[in-house]
């Protein structure tokens, strides 16, 4: 059995489409709200032109500035997977660029979540391939290793487990265990209704305090 620091685990089952479909239009801010606002990225930002991220987490932990293990992870990536990388938040070397993004698109990968830097940023900004990262640098990666695949990781303060559901929009990224999906989705729908009611009240010139838990709407 490989020692910790050298693990290369197989991917778990892909998240079923029935689960993913429920979150296809759910706002990350609302998902975060119903998880008590404790979970999700803080500093990662989207670098793609447009497009929503939704898929199954394949996790990678790499030495800062080194992408050898990311290339190995491509051997495991499937259509609909999200490559989620703990690069330690390092911005001195880019972990992915246009070539790796183009290959991932061709494979049907759902997107990247990189706690580190990317490069060739213009290519990402012209693309609808979802990519979230901490920053940008022109300096390319080293390819010496070590690294691990499909292990628990921390990305921008968010714990991600292999096989988690990953959702991203313009506000950021959240990840959660598929076992919690049904309960979360029910709470999301309730929160969506509360916010829709609040916006409708505002449009009618009323003040709706339901969303603050403070009582009924008033004129």
Protein backbone atom coordinates (compact mmCIF):
# COMPACT_ATOMS: atom_id res chain seq x y z
CA UNK A 1 0.00 0.00 0.00
CA UNK A 2 1.49 3.39 -1.00
CA UNK A 3 2.61 5.66 1.80
CA UNK A 4 0.73 8.87 2.49
CA UNK A 5 2.10 11.42 0.06
CA UNK A 6 2.28 8.89 -2.79
CA UNK A 7 -1.31 7.66 -3.04
CA UNK A 8 -2.92 7.30 -6.45
CA UNK A 9 -6.44 6.08 -5.79
CA UNK A 10 -9.07 5.15 -8.38
CA UNK A 11 -12.03 7.45 -8.87
CA UNK A 12 -15.30 6.53 -7.24
CA UNK A 13 -18.58 6.29 -9.15
CA UNK A 14 -19.66 9.38 -11.02
CA UNK A 15 -22.40 11.43 -9.36
CA UNK A 16 -25.71 10.28 -10.91
CA UNK A 17 -27.32 12.62 -13.40
CA UNK A 18 -30.47 12.69 -11.31
CA UNK A 19 -28.52 14.42 -8.53
CA UNK A 20 -26.66 16.80 -10.84
CA UNK A 21 -29.85 17.84 -12.62
CA UNK A 22 -31.33 19.09 -9.35
CA UNK A 23 -28.48 21.59 -8.93
CA UNK A 24 -28.15 22.61 -12.57
CA UNK A 25 -29.77 26.00 -11.95
CA UNK A 26 -29.15 26.39 -8.21
CA UNK A 27 -27.17 29.50 -7.26
CA UNK A 28 -23.94 28.83 -5.39
CA UNK A 29 -24.85 31.61 -2.96
CA UNK A 30 -28.08 29.84 -2.02
CA UNK A 31 -26.39 26.44 -1.70
CA UNK A 32 -23.84 28.10 0.59
CA UNK A 33 -26.59 29.78 2.61
CA UNK A 34 -28.36 26.49 3.34
CA UNK A 35 -25.03 24.97 4.42
CA UNK A 36 -24.94 27.65 7.13
CA UNK A 37 -22.57 29.82 5.08
CA UNK A 38 -19.57 27.87 6.37
CA UNK A 39 -18.55 26.02 3.19
CA UNK A 40 -17.26 27.06 -0.21
CA UNK A 41 -14.40 28.96 -1.77
CA UNK A 42 -13.49 32.48 -0.72
CA UNK A 43 -10.65 33.77 -2.88
CA UNK A 44 -10.89 31.64 -6.03
CA UNK A 45 -12.38 33.50 -8.99
CA UNK A 46 -13.75 32.39 -12.35
CA UNK A 47 -11.43 32.90 -15.34
CA UNK A 48 -13.72 31.62 -18.11
CA UNK A 49 -15.96 33.75 -20.32
CA UNK A 50 -19.16 32.07 -19.22
CA UNK A 51 -20.51 28.69 -18.25
CA UNK A 52 -21.61 26.86 -15.15
CA UNK A 53 -19.56 24.21 -13.36
CA UNK A 54 -21.27 20.98 -12.32
CA UNK A 55 -19.76 17.54 -11.91
CA UNK A 56 -17.96 14.91 -9.86
CA UNK A 57 -14.77 15.81 -7.98
CA UNK A 58 -11.52 14.09 -8.89
CA UNK A 59 -9.11 15.48 -6.33
CA UNK A 60 -5.40 16.15 -6.64
CA UNK A 61 -2.90 17.28 -4.03
CA UNK A 62 0.33 18.54 -5.51
CA UNK A 63 3.52 20.19 -4.43
CA UNK A 64 3.16 23.94 -5.04
CA UNK A 65 4.19 24.88 -8.57
CA UNK A 66 4.42 21.28 -9.84
CA UNK A 67 1.84 19.66 -12.13
CA UNK A 68 3.28 16.20 -12.71
CA UNK A 69 0.45 14.59 -10.76
CA UNK A 70 -2.16 16.60 -12.68
CA UNK A 71 -0.98 14.93 -15.88
CA UNK A 72 -1.28 11.55 -14.18
CA UNK A 73 -4.81 12.42 -13.09
CA UNK A 74 -5.84 12.79 -16.73
CA UNK A 75 -5.58 9.00 -16.99
CA UNK A 76 -8.49 8.79 -14.51
CA UNK A 77 -10.63 11.72 -15.62
CA UNK A 78 -13.99 10.90 -17.17
CA UNK A 79 -16.63 12.87 -19.01
CA UNK A 80 -18.33 15.09 -16.43
CA UNK A 81 -15.54 15.01 -13.86
CA UNK A 82 -14.17 18.17 -12.25
CA UNK A 83 -10.42 18.36 -11.65
CA UNK A 84 -10.08 19.86 -8.15
CA UNK A 85 -6.49 20.72 -7.23
CA UNK A 86 -4.93 21.61 -3.89
CA UNK A 87 -1.86 23.52 -5.01
CA UNK A 88 -1.37 25.15 -1.64
CA UNK A 89 -2.57 28.51 -2.97
CA UNK A 90 0.84 29.05 -4.54
CA UNK A 91 1.07 31.71 -7.28
CA UNK A 92 4.71 31.38 -8.29
CA UNK A 93 4.16 28.76 -11.02
CA UNK A 94 1.06 28.02 -13.08
CA UNK A 95 -0.42 24.54 -12.73
CA UNK A 96 -2.54 24.55 -15.92
CA UNK A 97 -2.67 26.50 -19.15
CA UNK A 98 -4.25 26.46 -22.60
CA UNK A 99 -2.92 23.04 -23.62
CA UNK A 100 -4.24 21.27 -20.53
CA UNK A 101 -7.53 23.14 -20.80
CA UNK A 102 -7.92 22.20 -24.47
CA UNK A 103 -7.23 18.56 -23.73
CA UNK A 104 -9.76 18.58 -20.88
CA UNK A 105 -12.43 20.12 -23.13
CA UNK A 106 -11.81 17.47 -25.75
CA UNK A 107 -12.26 14.78 -23.09
CA UNK A 108 -15.56 16.22 -21.88
CA UNK A 109 -14.18 17.22 -18.49
CA UNK A 110 -16.62 19.53 -16.66
CA UNK A 111 -14.02 22.06 -15.49
CA UNK A 112 -11.10 23.00 -13.23
CA UNK A 113 -10.95 24.22 -9.64
CA UNK A 114 -7.33 25.21 -8.97
CA UNK A 115 -6.08 26.45 -5.60
CA UNK A 116 -3.04 27.88 -7.33
CA UNK A 117 -2.20 29.78 -10.51
CA UNK A 118 -3.09 29.35 -14.16
CA UNK A 119 -1.53 30.86 -17.29
CA UNK A 120 -2.60 31.57 -20.89
CA UNK A 121 -5.41 33.47 -19.25
CA UNK A 122 -6.66 34.97 -22.54
CA UNK A 123 -7.48 31.46 -23.76
CA UNK A 124 -9.56 30.82 -20.65
CA UNK A 125 -11.30 34.18 -20.91
CA UNK A 126 -12.35 33.35 -24.49
CA UNK A 127 -13.62 29.94 -23.44
CA UNK A 128 -16.80 28.55 -21.90
CA UNK A 129 -14.76 25.85 -20.15
CA UNK A 130 -15.27 26.53 -16.41
CA UNK A 131 -12.05 27.34 -14.61
CA UNK A 132 -11.68 28.74 -11.09
CA UNK A 133 -8.24 29.65 -9.79
CA UNK A 134 -6.50 31.76 -7.18
CA UNK A 135 -4.44 33.81 -9.65
CA UNK A 136 -2.37 34.08 -12.82
CA UNK A 137 1.31 33.89 -13.68
CA UNK A 138 3.17 33.37 -16.95
CA UNK A 139 5.69 31.12 -15.18
CA UNK A 140 5.15 27.48 -16.08
CA UNK A 141 5.11 24.48 -13.75
CA UNK A 142 7.77 22.02 -12.74
CA UNK A 143 7.10 18.34 -13.33
CA UNK A 144 9.00 16.55 -10.59
CA UNK A 145 6.24 15.54 -8.17
CA UNK A 146 5.28 14.31 -5.70
CA UNK A 147 1.51 14.37 -5.51
CA UNK A 148 -1.61 12.38 -4.74
CA UNK A 149 -4.83 11.59 -6.59
CA UNK A 150 -8.30 11.03 -5.13
CA UNK A 151 -7.48 11.87 -1.53
CA UNK A 152 -9.19 14.36 0.80
CA UNK A 153 -7.95 17.88 0.05
CA UNK A 154 -8.48 21.48 1.16
CA UNK A 155 -9.11 24.06 -1.56
CA UNK A 156 -9.24 27.69 -0.44
CA UNK A 157 -10.46 26.52 2.98
CA UNK A 158 -13.07 24.14 1.53
CA UNK A 159 -12.67 20.43 2.22
CA UNK A 160 -13.28 18.35 -0.91
CA UNK A 161 -13.54 14.57 -0.95
CA UNK A 162 -13.16 12.40 -4.04
CA UNK A 163 -16.58 11.94 -5.62
CA UNK A 164 -18.15 15.05 -4.10
CA UNK A 165 -20.68 17.10 -6.04
CA UNK A 166 -19.03 20.31 -7.29
CA UNK A 167 -21.09 23.36 -8.29
CA UNK A 168 -19.70 26.66 -9.55
CA UNK A 169 -21.10 29.91 -10.91
CA UNK A 170 -19.97 33.53 -11.14
CA UNK A 171 -19.87 33.81 -7.33
CA UNK A 172 -17.56 30.85 -6.66
CA UNK A 173 -17.60 27.13 -5.93
CA UNK A 174 -19.18 24.81 -3.38
CA UNK A 175 -18.70 21.07 -2.92
CA UNK A 176 -20.67 18.56 -0.87
CA UNK A 177 -21.19 14.85 -0.32
CA UNK A 178 -23.71 13.33 -2.71
CA UNK A 179 -25.34 11.66 0.32
CA UNK A 180 -26.47 15.13 1.43
CA UNK A 181 -27.79 16.16 -1.98
CA UNK A 182 -31.50 15.42 -1.44
CA UNK A 183 -31.65 17.29 1.86
CA UNK A 184 -29.67 20.21 0.48
CA UNK A 185 -31.82 20.45 -2.63
CA UNK A 186 -35.00 20.64 -0.55
CA UNK A 187 -33.49 23.48 1.50
CA UNK A 188 -32.31 25.22 -1.67
CA UNK A 189 -35.82 25.16 -3.12
CA UNK A 190 -37.23 26.64 0.11
CA UNK A 191 -34.63 29.41 0.09
CA UNK A 192 -35.25 30.13 -3.59
CA UNK A 193 -38.94 30.60 -2.83
CA UNK A 194 -38.21 32.92 0.10
CA UNK A 195 -35.91 35.07 -2.02
CA UNK A 196 -38.37 35.15 -4.93
CA UNK A 197 -41.08 36.35 -2.55
CA UNK A 198 -38.79 39.04 -1.16
CA UNK A 199 -37.94 40.31 -4.64
CA UNK A 200 -41.62 40.30 -5.63
CA UNK A 201 -42.49 42.33 -2.53
CA UNK A 202 -39.76 44.85 -3.32
CA UNK A 203 -41.07 45.17 -6.88
CA UNK A 204 -44.51 45.97 -5.40
CA UNK A 205 -43.02 48.67 -3.20
CA UNK A 206 -43.21 46.63 -0.02
CA UNK A 207 -40.58 45.63 2.50
CA UNK A 208 -40.42 41.85 2.91
CA UNK A 209 -38.49 40.81 6.00
CA UNK A 210 -39.18 37.08 5.72
CA UNK A 211 -35.72 36.50 4.25
CA UNK A 212 -34.24 37.97 7.44
CA UNK A 213 -36.51 35.88 9.64
CA UNK A 214 -38.04 39.08 11.02
CA UNK A 215 -41.74 38.67 10.29
CA UNK A 216 -44.27 39.56 7.64
CA UNK A 217 -44.04 41.84 4.68
CA UNK A 218 -45.12 45.40 5.28
CA UNK A 219 -45.93 48.29 2.99
